[in-house]
Amino acid sequence: MNAIKERIFGAVTVMNDSDAEKVWNFVIENLSPRSWDDIEEVSPDEWDLKMLEDIDKNPDCHEFVSQDELLKELNLTL
């Protein structure tokens, strides 16, 4: 989280409920909602195409492990 977000989070944390509601209403009314439709679609470049080809051809790209297996392999526990 960057410094600005931390400052906003800190300010909202110490606000009373009425002020926090005003901030929320400001966000809803003034900041445009974002959706997946807002993301510009671009064609894959040469590097992207190489990665996609590797996904198709490299058998290691089709091997998956569960979270438990991964944690065990890394000697980590939840």
PDB file of N, CA and C in Angstrom:
ATOM      1  N   MET A   1       0.864  -1.171   0.000  1.00  0.00           N
ATOM      2  CA  MET A   1       0.000   0.000   0.000  1.00  0.00           C
ATOM      3  C   MET A   1       0.909   1.231   0.000  1.00  0.00           C
ATOM      4  N   ASN A   2       0.608   2.190  -0.870  1.00  0.00           N
ATOM      5  CA  ASN A   2       1.461   3.374  -0.925  1.00  0.00           C
ATOM      6  C   ASN A   2       1.081   4.360   0.186  1.00  0.00           C
ATOM      7  N   ALA A   3       1.882   5.409   0.331  1.00  0.00           N
ATOM      8  CA  ALA A   3       1.718   6.350   1.438  1.00  0.00           C
ATOM      9  C   ALA A   3       0.369   7.062   1.416  1.00  0.00           C
ATOM     10  N   ILE A   4      -0.114   7.418   0.257  1.00  0.00           N
ATOM     11  CA  ILE A   4      -1.405   8.112   0.167  1.00  0.00           C
ATOM     12  C   ILE A   4      -2.536   7.204   0.650  1.00  0.00           C
ATOM     13  N   LYS A   5      -2.536   5.946   0.202  1.00  0.00           N
ATOM     14  CA  LYS A   5      -3.567   5.016   0.630  1.00  0.00           C
ATOM     15  C   LYS A   5      -3.490   4.791   2.136  1.00  0.00           C
ATOM     16  N   GLU A   6      -2.289   4.701   2.675  1.00  0.00           N
ATOM     17  CA  GLU A   6      -2.131   4.533   4.122  1.00  0.00           C
ATOM     18  C   GLU A   6      -2.690   5.728   4.870  1.00  0.00           C
ATOM     19  N   ARG A   7      -2.467   6.932   4.364  1.00  0.00           N
ATOM     20  CA  ARG A   7      -2.995   8.135   5.006  1.00  0.00           C
ATOM     21  C   ARG A   7      -4.520   8.161   4.953  1.00  0.00           C
ATOM     22  N   ILE A   8      -5.083   7.783   3.813  1.00  0.00           N
ATOM     23  CA  ILE A   8      -6.546   7.732   3.692  1.00  0.00           C
ATOM     24  C   ILE A   8      -7.110   6.697   4.660  1.00  0.00           C
ATOM     25  N   PHE A   9      -6.498   5.521   4.679  1.00  0.00           N
ATOM     26  CA  PHE A   9      -6.948   4.455   5.568  1.00  0.00           C
ATOM     27  C   PHE A   9      -6.882   4.908   7.025  1.00  0.00           C
ATOM     28  N   GLY A  10      -5.782   5.547   7.395  1.00  0.00           N
ATOM     29  CA  GLY A  10      -5.634   6.043   8.762  1.00  0.00           C
ATOM     30  C   GLY A  10      -6.677   7.093   9.108  1.00  0.00           C
ATOM     31  N   ALA A  11      -6.953   7.987   8.177  1.00  0.00           N
ATOM     32  CA  ALA A  11      -7.937   9.046   8.423  1.00  0.00           C
ATOM     33  C   ALA A  11      -9.327   8.456   8.610  1.00  0.00           C
ATOM     34  N   VAL A  12      -9.688   7.489   7.766  1.00  0.00           N
ATOM     35  CA  VAL A  12     -11.007   6.881   7.875  1.00  0.00           C
ATOM     36  C   VAL A  12     -11.115   6.075   9.172  1.00  0.00           C
ATOM     37  N   THR A  13     -10.034   5.466   9.571  1.00  0.00           N
ATOM     38  CA  THR A  13     -10.046   4.649  10.783  1.00  0.00           C
ATOM     39  C   THR A  13     -10.418   5.457  12.023  1.00  0.00           C
ATOM     40  N   VAL A  14      -9.979   6.709  12.098  1.00  0.00           N
ATOM     41  CA  VAL A  14     -10.250   7.510  13.297  1.00  0.00           C
ATOM     42  C   VAL A  14     -11.499   8.386  13.163  1.00  0.00           C
ATOM     43  N   MET A  15     -12.168   8.344  12.016  1.00  0.00           N
ATOM     44  CA  MET A  15     -13.374   9.150  11.809  1.00  0.00           C
ATOM     45  C   MET A  15     -14.557   8.559  12.568  1.00  0.00           C
ATOM     46  N   ASN A  16     -15.494   9.430  12.907  1.00  0.00           N
ATOM     47  CA  ASN A  16     -16.753   8.909  13.437  1.00  0.00           C
ATOM     48  C   ASN A  16     -17.564   8.373  12.256  1.00  0.00           C
ATOM     49  N   ASP A  17     -18.614   7.628  12.558  1.00  0.00           N
ATOM     50  CA  ASP A  17     -19.396   6.974  11.499  1.00  0.00           C
ATOM     51  C   ASP A  17     -20.014   7.966  10.526  1.00  0.00           C
ATOM     52  N   SER A  18     -20.437   9.096  11.024  1.00  0.00           N
ATOM     53  CA  SER A  18     -21.072  10.096  10.162  1.00  0.00           C
ATOM     54  C   SER A  18     -20.081  10.635   9.131  1.00  0.00           C
ATOM     55  N   ASP A  19     -18.875  10.966   9.571  1.00  0.00           N
ATOM     56  CA  ASP A  19     -17.860  11.474   8.640  1.00  0.00           C
ATOM     57  C   ASP A  19     -17.424  10.385   7.654  1.00  0.00           C
ATOM     58  N   ALA A  20     -17.303   9.154   8.134  1.00  0.00           N
ATOM     59  CA  ALA A  20     -16.921   8.049   7.247  1.00  0.00           C
ATOM     60  C   ALA A  20     -17.978   7.850   6.165  1.00  0.00           C
ATOM     61  N   GLU A  21     -19.239   8.013   6.538  1.00  0.00           N
ATOM     62  CA  GLU A  21     -20.311   7.891   5.546  1.00  0.00           C
ATOM     63  C   GLU A  21     -20.218   9.000   4.504  1.00  0.00           C
ATOM     64  N   LYS A  22     -19.855  10.209   4.928  1.00  0.00           N
ATOM     65  CA  LYS A  22     -19.679  11.316   3.975  1.00  0.00           C
ATOM     66  C   LYS A  22     -18.554  11.008   2.990  1.00  0.00           C
ATOM     67  N   VAL A  23     -17.469  10.455   3.508  1.00  0.00           N
ATOM     68  CA  VAL A  23     -16.343  10.092   2.628  1.00  0.00           C
ATOM     69  C   VAL A  23     -16.794   9.025   1.641  1.00  0.00           C
ATOM     70  N   TRP A  24     -17.530   8.023   2.129  1.00  0.00           N
ATOM     71  CA  TRP A  24     -18.003   6.962   1.238  1.00  0.00           C
ATOM     72  C   TRP A  24     -18.913   7.522   0.154  1.00  0.00           C
ATOM     73  N   ASN A  25     -19.807   8.406   0.533  1.00  0.00           N
ATOM     74  CA  ASN A  25     -20.705   9.022  -0.448  1.00  0.00           C
ATOM     75  C   ASN A  25     -19.918   9.838  -1.468  1.00  0.00           C
ATOM     76  N   PHE A  26     -18.863  10.511  -1.035  1.00  0.00           N
ATOM     77  CA  PHE A  26     -18.003  11.250  -1.960  1.00  0.00           C
ATOM     78  C   PHE A  26     -17.381  10.286  -2.973  1.00  0.00           C
ATOM     79  N   VAL A  27     -16.878   9.168  -2.481  1.00  0.00           N
ATOM     80  CA  VAL A  27     -16.249   8.181  -3.364  1.00  0.00           C
ATOM     81  C   VAL A  27     -17.262   7.677  -4.389  1.00  0.00           C
ATOM     82  N   ILE A  28     -18.438   7.312  -3.925  1.00  0.00           N
ATOM     83  CA  ILE A  28     -19.467   6.770  -4.816  1.00  0.00           C
ATOM     84  C   ILE A  28     -19.902   7.804  -5.864  1.00  0.00           C
ATOM     85  N   GLU A  29     -20.050   9.043  -5.441  1.00  0.00           N
ATOM     86  CA  GLU A  29     -20.584  10.073  -6.339  1.00  0.00           C
ATOM     87  C   GLU A  29     -19.545  10.679  -7.271  1.00  0.00           C
ATOM     88  N   ASN A  30     -18.279  10.662  -6.884  1.00  0.00           N
ATOM     89  CA  ASN A  30     -17.273  11.405  -7.636  1.00  0.00           C
ATOM     90  C   ASN A  30     -16.225  10.569  -8.360  1.00  0.00           C
ATOM     91  N   LEU A  31     -16.084   9.339  -7.985  1.00  0.00           N
ATOM     92  CA  LEU A  31     -15.078   8.508  -8.644  1.00  0.00           C
ATOM     93  C   LEU A  31     -15.794   7.495  -9.510  1.00  0.00           C
ATOM     94  N   SER A  32     -15.453   7.489 -10.774  1.00  0.00           N
ATOM     95  CA  SER A  32     -16.160   6.612 -11.702  1.00  0.00           C
ATOM     96  C   SER A  32     -15.883   5.154 -11.367  1.00  0.00           C
ATOM     97  N   PRO A  33     -16.908   4.349 -11.448  1.00  0.00           N
ATOM     98  CA  PRO A  33     -16.692   2.916 -11.209  1.00  0.00           C
ATOM     99  C   PRO A  33     -15.862   2.330 -12.344  1.00  0.00           C
ATOM    100  N   ARG A  34     -15.110   1.328 -12.000  1.00  0.00           N
ATOM    101  CA  ARG A  34     -14.278   0.674 -13.012  1.00  0.00           C
ATOM    102  C   ARG A  34     -14.749  -0.757 -13.184  1.00  0.00           C
ATOM    103  N   SER A  35     -14.644  -1.217 -14.391  1.00  0.00           N
ATOM    104  CA  SER A  35     -15.022  -2.598 -14.661  1.00  0.00           C
ATOM    105  C   SER A  35     -14.028  -3.188 -15.655  1.00  0.00           C
ATOM    106  N   TRP A  36     -14.165  -4.484 -15.891  1.00  0.00           N
ATOM    107  CA  TRP A  36     -13.297  -5.144 -16.857  1.00  0.00           C
ATOM    108  C   TRP A  36     -13.461  -4.546 -18.244  1.00  0.00           C
ATOM    109  N   ASP A  37     -14.622  -3.982 -18.526  1.00  0.00           N
ATOM    110  CA  ASP A  37     -14.861  -3.380 -19.838  1.00  0.00           C
ATOM    111  C   ASP A  37     -14.029  -2.126 -20.061  1.00  0.00           C
ATOM    112  N   ASP A  38     -13.507  -1.528 -18.978  1.00  0.00           N
ATOM    113  CA  ASP A  38     -12.704  -0.310 -19.088  1.00  0.00           C
ATOM    114  C   ASP A  38     -11.246  -0.585 -19.459  1.00  0.00           C
ATOM    115  N   ILE A  39     -10.864  -1.843 -19.451  1.00  0.00           N
ATOM    116  CA  ILE A  39      -9.471  -2.198 -19.734  1.00  0.00           C
ATOM    117  C   ILE A  39      -9.264  -2.265 -21.238  1.00  0.00           C
ATOM    118  N   GLU A  40      -8.277  -1.534 -21.697  1.00  0.00           N
ATOM    119  CA  GLU A  40      -7.976  -1.512 -23.130  1.00  0.00           C
ATOM    120  C   GLU A  40      -7.459  -2.870 -23.578  1.00  0.00           C
ATOM    121  N   GLU A  41      -7.982  -3.359 -24.664  1.00  0.00           N
ATOM    122  CA  GLU A  41      -7.528  -4.622 -25.219  1.00  0.00           C
ATOM    123  C   GLU A  41      -6.400  -4.343 -26.207  1.00  0.00           C
ATOM    124  N   VAL A  42      -5.304  -5.040 -26.036  1.00  0.00           N
ATOM    125  CA  VAL A  42      -4.163  -4.878 -26.933  1.00  0.00           C
ATOM    126  C   VAL A  42      -3.767  -6.234 -27.496  1.00  0.00           C
ATOM    127  N   SER A  43      -3.177  -6.226 -28.648  1.00  0.00           N
ATOM    128  CA  SER A  43      -2.699  -7.462 -29.257  1.00  0.00           C
ATOM    129  C   SER A  43      -1.414  -7.899 -28.582  1.00  0.00           C
ATOM    130  N   PRO A  44      -1.215  -9.208 -28.466  1.00  0.00           N
ATOM    131  CA  PRO A  44       0.017  -9.690 -27.837  1.00  0.00           C
ATOM    132  C   PRO A  44       1.242  -9.338 -28.689  1.00  0.00           C
ATOM    133  N   ASP A  45       2.310  -8.972 -27.995  1.00  0.00           N
ATOM    134  CA  ASP A  45       3.556  -8.686 -28.715  1.00  0.00           C
ATOM    135  C   ASP A  45       4.357  -9.986 -28.856  1.00  0.00           C
ATOM    136  N   GLU A  46       5.562  -9.874 -29.387  1.00  0.00           N
ATOM    137  CA  GLU A  46       6.382 -11.062 -29.655  1.00  0.00           C
ATOM    138  C   GLU A  46       6.658 -11.847 -28.376  1.00  0.00           C
ATOM    139  N   TRP A  47       6.943 -11.151 -27.294  1.00  0.00           N
ATOM    140  CA  TRP A  47       7.240 -11.803 -26.014  1.00  0.00           C
ATOM    141  C   TRP A  47       6.002 -12.564 -25.500  1.00  0.00           C
ATOM    142  N   ASP A  48       4.848 -11.930 -25.583  1.00  0.00           N
ATOM    143  CA  ASP A  48       3.607 -12.582 -25.161  1.00  0.00           C
ATOM    144  C   ASP A  48       3.355 -13.848 -25.979  1.00  0.00           C
ATOM    145  N   LEU A  49       3.564 -13.751 -27.277  1.00  0.00           N
ATOM    146  CA  LEU A  49       3.342 -14.906 -28.142  1.00  0.00           C
ATOM    147  C   LEU A  49       4.286 -16.055 -27.795  1.00  0.00           C
ATOM    148  N   LYS A  50       5.533 -15.728 -27.451  1.00  0.00           N
ATOM    149  CA  LYS A  50       6.482 -16.771 -27.044  1.00  0.00           C
ATOM    150  C   LYS A  50       6.016 -17.441 -25.754  1.00  0.00           C
ATOM    151  N   MET A  51       5.519 -16.649 -24.810  1.00  0.00           N
ATOM    152  CA  MET A  51       5.032 -17.225 -23.557  1.00  0.00           C
ATOM    153  C   MET A  51       3.818 -18.115 -23.809  1.00  0.00           C
ATOM    154  N   LEU A  52       2.901 -17.688 -24.652  1.00  0.00           N
ATOM    155  CA  LEU A  52       1.720 -18.487 -24.963  1.00  0.00           C
ATOM    156  C   LEU A  52       2.108 -19.794 -25.657  1.00  0.00           C
ATOM    157  N   GLU A  53       3.084 -19.715 -26.534  1.00  0.00           N
ATOM    158  CA  GLU A  53       3.561 -20.923 -27.209  1.00  0.00           C
ATOM    159  C   GLU A  53       4.175 -21.885 -26.203  1.00  0.00           C
ATOM    160  N   ASP A  54       4.951 -21.340 -25.259  1.00  0.00           N
ATOM    161  CA  ASP A  54       5.575 -22.175 -24.237  1.00  0.00           C
ATOM    162  C   ASP A  54       4.515 -22.842 -23.359  1.00  0.00           C
ATOM    163  N   ILE A  55       3.459 -22.134 -23.058  1.00  0.00           N
ATOM    164  CA  ILE A  55       2.370 -22.713 -22.270  1.00  0.00           C
ATOM    165  C   ILE A  55       1.786 -23.918 -23.002  1.00  0.00           C
ATOM    166  N   ASP A  56       1.619 -23.806 -24.310  1.00  0.00           N
ATOM    167  CA  ASP A  56       1.047 -24.901 -25.091  1.00  0.00           C
ATOM    168  C   ASP A  56       1.991 -26.090 -25.215  1.00  0.00           C
ATOM    169  N   LYS A  57       3.282 -25.828 -25.366  1.00  0.00           N
ATOM    170  CA  LYS A  57       4.227 -26.893 -25.692  1.00  0.00           C
ATOM    171  C   LYS A  57       4.994 -27.452 -24.498  1.00  0.00           C
ATOM    172  N   ASN A  58       5.159 -26.691 -23.441  1.00  0.00           N
ATOM    173  CA  ASN A  58       5.971 -27.117 -22.315  1.00  0.00           C
ATOM    174  C   ASN A  58       5.117 -27.905 -21.322  1.00  0.00           C
ATOM    175  N   PRO A  59       5.414 -29.193 -21.134  1.00  0.00           N
ATOM    176  CA  PRO A  59       4.603 -29.998 -20.214  1.00  0.00           C
ATOM    177  C   PRO A  59       4.657 -29.484 -18.767  1.00  0.00           C
ATOM    178  N   ASP A  60       5.722 -28.803 -18.395  1.00  0.00           N
ATOM    179  CA  ASP A  60       5.817 -28.266 -17.033  1.00  0.00           C
ATOM    180  C   ASP A  60       4.766 -27.192 -16.779  1.00  0.00           C
ATOM    181  N   CYS A  61       4.275 -26.584 -17.844  1.00  0.00           N
ATOM    182  CA  CYS A  61       3.255 -25.544 -17.697  1.00  0.00           C
ATOM    183  C   CYS A  61       1.873 -26.143 -17.427  1.00  0.00           C
ATOM    184  N   HIS A  62       1.774 -27.456 -17.449  1.00  0.00           N
ATOM    185  CA  HIS A  62       0.493 -28.118 -17.235  1.00  0.00           C
ATOM    186  C   HIS A  62       0.493 -28.909 -15.930  1.00  0.00           C
ATOM    187  N   GLU A  63       1.522 -28.691 -15.110  1.00  0.00           N
ATOM    188  CA  GLU A  63       1.640 -29.405 -13.851  1.00  0.00           C
ATOM    189  C   GLU A  63       1.258 -28.464 -12.718  1.00  0.00           C
ATOM    190  N   PHE A  64       0.343 -28.910 -11.879  1.00  0.00           N
ATOM    191  CA  PHE A  64      -0.128 -28.077 -10.791  1.00  0.00           C
ATOM    192  C   PHE A  64       0.004 -28.823  -9.474  1.00  0.00           C
ATOM    193  N   VAL A  65       0.201 -28.065  -8.405  1.00  0.00           N
ATOM    194  CA  VAL A  65       0.264 -28.652  -7.069  1.00  0.00           C
ATOM    195  C   VAL A  65      -0.728 -27.920  -6.171  1.00  0.00           C
ATOM    196  N   SER A  66      -1.187 -28.603  -5.156  1.00  0.00           N
ATOM    197  CA  SER A  66      -2.108 -27.978  -4.225  1.00  0.00           C
ATOM    198  C   SER A  66      -1.332 -27.052  -3.290  1.00  0.00           C
ATOM    199  N   GLN A  67      -2.059 -26.197  -2.613  1.00  0.00           N
ATOM    200  CA  GLN A  67      -1.424 -25.302  -1.655  1.00  0.00           C
ATOM    201  C   GLN A  67      -0.716 -26.103  -0.568  1.00  0.00           C
ATOM    202  N   ASP A  68      -1.344 -27.158  -0.090  1.00  0.00           N
ATOM    203  CA  ASP A  68      -0.742 -27.986   0.955  1.00  0.00           C
ATOM    204  C   ASP A  68       0.566 -28.610   0.482  1.00  0.00           C
ATOM    205  N   GLU A  69       0.557 -29.125  -0.754  1.00  0.00           N
ATOM    206  CA  GLU A  69       1.780 -29.709  -1.310  1.00  0.00           C
ATOM    207  C   GLU A  69       2.894 -28.670  -1.422  1.00  0.00           C
ATOM    208  N   LEU A  70       2.539 -27.480  -1.878  1.00  0.00           N
ATOM    209  CA  LEU A  70       3.524 -26.412  -2.029  1.00  0.00           C
ATOM    210  C   LEU A  70       4.117 -26.018  -0.685  1.00  0.00           C
ATOM    211  N   LEU A  71       3.271 -25.829   0.305  1.00  0.00           N
ATOM    212  CA  LEU A  71       3.753 -25.454   1.636  1.00  0.00           C
ATOM    213  C   LEU A  71       4.662 -26.537   2.217  1.00  0.00           C
ATOM    214  N   LYS A  72       4.287 -27.805   2.012  1.00  0.00           N
ATOM    215  CA  LYS A  72       5.115 -28.911   2.483  1.00  0.00           C
ATOM    216  C   LYS A  72       6.478 -28.904   1.793  1.00  0.00           C
ATOM    217  N   GLU A  73       6.462 -28.692   0.478  1.00  0.00           N
ATOM    218  CA  GLU A  73       7.708 -28.673  -0.295  1.00  0.00           C
ATOM    219  C   GLU A  73       8.616 -27.514   0.133  1.00  0.00           C
ATOM    220  N   LEU A  74       8.016 -26.394   0.517  1.00  0.00           N
ATOM    221  CA  LEU A  74       8.792 -25.222   0.942  1.00  0.00           C
ATOM    222  C   LEU A  74       9.069 -25.213   2.445  1.00  0.00           C
ATOM    223  N   ASN A  75       8.673 -26.283   3.116  1.00  0.00           N
ATOM    224  CA  ASN A  75       8.832 -26.383   4.566  1.00  0.00           C
ATOM    225  C   ASN A  75       8.161 -25.248   5.302  1.00  0.00           C
ATOM    226  N   LEU A  76       6.952 -24.913   4.851  1.00  0.00           N
ATOM    227  CA  LEU A  76       6.156 -23.862   5.486  1.00  0.00           C
ATOM    228  C   LEU A  76       4.863 -24.472   5.991  1.00  0.00           C
ATOM    229  N   THR A  77       4.295 -23.850   6.998  1.00  0.00           N
ATOM    230  CA  THR A  77       2.997 -24.297   7.505  1.00  0.00           C
ATOM    231  C   THR A  77       2.091 -23.101   7.659  1.00  0.00           C
ATOM    232  N   LEU A  78       0.794 -23.364   7.613  1.00  0.00           N
ATOM    233  CA  LEU A  78      -0.196 -22.292   7.807  1.00  0.00           C
ATOM    234  C   LEU A  78      -0.374 -22.019   9.267  1.00  0.00           C
TER     235      LEU A  78
END
